[in-house]
Amino acid sequence: MRVTNIDPPGPAAAGQEVRGETGPEILHLKLRFRIQEIDPDRYRLRLGVDLPFGLVVDEDLRCTPLDDTHCRVSYNCDFHFPPSWRGTLLRVLGVPC
């Protein structure tokens, strides 16, 4: 992903929005990440992600320290399909939900 904008700029914080693009130069797919919550005491990060074609993902990332140099990452996500023909097409194509 190529980051195109961070609003507001600076270290990650709740309410911050990161925009970017991915894909080859002739087909830029736009992405938007909204930081919903950062909990440093529990090593947790919650994000809302807008993907191409109206697909929305709610991310809940948690890190559990195992020792001084290792951690276990739990990656939980919840996909939401757009309420239109696009959502039906994404389901038929087998996009994970």
Protein backbone atom coordinates (compact mmCIF):
# COMPACT_ATOMS: atom_id res chain seq x y z
CA MET A 1 0.00 0.00 0.00
CA ARG A 2 1.19 3.49 -0.83
CA VAL A 3 0.08 6.00 1.81
CA THR A 4 -1.34 9.13 0.20
CA ASN A 5 -2.62 11.06 3.24
CA ILE A 6 -2.67 10.90 7.05
CA ASP A 7 -5.18 13.18 8.78
CA PRO A 8 -4.23 14.53 11.23
CA PRO A 9 -0.52 13.90 10.69
CA GLY A 10 1.58 12.43 13.49
CA PRO A 11 1.69 9.26 15.57
CA ALA A 12 -1.30 6.91 15.41
CA ALA A 13 -4.26 8.14 17.47
CA ALA A 14 -7.96 7.40 17.75
CA GLY A 15 -9.87 9.37 15.14
CA GLN A 16 -6.96 9.49 12.72
CA GLU A 17 -7.57 8.55 9.09
CA VAL A 18 -5.01 7.02 6.74
CA ARG A 19 -5.69 6.93 3.01
CA GLY A 20 -3.72 4.99 0.46
CA GLU A 21 -3.72 3.08 -2.80
CA THR A 22 -2.67 -0.34 -3.87
CA GLY A 23 -2.36 -2.17 -7.14
CA PRO A 24 -0.48 -1.47 -10.37
CA GLU A 25 -0.11 2.10 -11.63
CA ILE A 26 -2.87 1.70 -14.21
CA LEU A 27 -5.38 0.45 -11.61
CA HIS A 28 -5.09 2.25 -8.28
CA LEU A 29 -7.41 0.72 -5.69
CA LYS A 30 -8.21 3.25 -2.96
CA LEU A 31 -8.16 2.25 0.72
CA ARG A 32 -9.13 4.15 3.86
CA PHE A 33 -8.22 3.17 7.44
CA ARG A 34 -9.94 4.87 10.39
CA ILE A 35 -8.27 4.31 13.75
CA GLN A 36 -11.14 3.74 16.18
CA GLU A 37 -9.29 2.77 19.34
CA ILE A 38 -5.75 2.32 20.59
CA ASP A 39 -5.33 0.61 23.96
CA PRO A 40 -1.60 0.39 24.74
CA ASP A 41 -2.23 -1.27 28.13
CA ARG A 42 -4.00 -4.20 26.48
CA TYR A 43 -1.97 -4.09 23.23
CA ARG A 44 -5.14 -3.58 21.19
CA LEU A 45 -5.86 -1.68 17.97
CA ARG A 46 -9.31 -1.30 16.40
CA LEU A 47 -9.65 -0.07 12.81
CA GLY A 48 -12.41 0.55 10.32
CA VAL A 49 -11.24 -0.17 6.77
CA ASP A 50 -12.98 0.87 3.55
CA LEU A 51 -11.95 -1.34 0.64
CA PRO A 52 -12.80 -1.08 -3.05
CA PHE A 53 -16.32 -1.93 -4.27
CA GLY A 54 -17.95 -0.80 -1.02
CA LEU A 55 -16.55 -3.59 1.14
CA VAL A 56 -16.08 -2.49 4.78
CA VAL A 57 -13.98 -4.34 7.37
CA ASP A 58 -13.95 -3.89 11.14
CA GLU A 59 -10.51 -4.95 12.40
CA ASP A 60 -9.68 -5.87 16.00
CA LEU A 61 -5.95 -6.57 16.45
CA ARG A 62 -4.54 -7.75 19.78
CA CYS A 63 -0.95 -8.59 20.68
CA THR A 64 -0.11 -10.83 23.62
CA PRO A 65 3.51 -10.68 24.79
CA LEU A 66 5.09 -14.15 25.06
CA ASP A 67 8.59 -13.09 26.10
CA ASP A 68 10.99 -10.19 25.50
CA THR A 69 11.22 -10.78 21.76
CA HIS A 70 8.00 -12.58 20.75
CA CYS A 71 4.28 -11.92 20.77
CA ARG A 72 1.10 -13.60 19.58
CA VAL A 73 -1.13 -11.54 17.28
CA SER A 74 -4.89 -12.17 17.23
CA TYR A 75 -6.40 -10.80 14.06
CA ASN A 76 -10.19 -10.64 14.08
CA CYS A 77 -12.15 -9.01 11.30
CA ASP A 78 -15.78 -8.58 10.36
CA PHE A 79 -16.64 -7.97 6.69
CA HIS A 80 -19.70 -5.96 5.67
CA PHE A 81 -21.00 -6.12 2.12
CA PRO A 82 -22.66 -3.11 0.48
CA PRO A 83 -26.48 -3.35 0.34
CA SER A 84 -26.66 -3.40 -3.46
CA TRP A 85 -25.84 -5.53 -6.49
CA ARG A 86 -22.16 -5.08 -5.59
CA GLY A 87 -22.67 -6.89 -2.29
CA THR A 88 -24.46 -9.75 -4.03
CA LEU A 89 -21.66 -10.01 -6.60
CA LEU A 90 -18.96 -10.06 -3.88
CA ARG A 91 -20.80 -12.90 -2.08
CA VAL A 92 -21.13 -14.89 -5.33
CA LEU A 93 -17.42 -14.42 -6.07
CA GLY A 94 -16.64 -15.88 -2.66
CA VAL A 95 -15.15 -12.88 -0.89
CA PRO A 96 -14.68 -14.04 2.75
CA CYS A 97 -17.17 -12.81 5.30
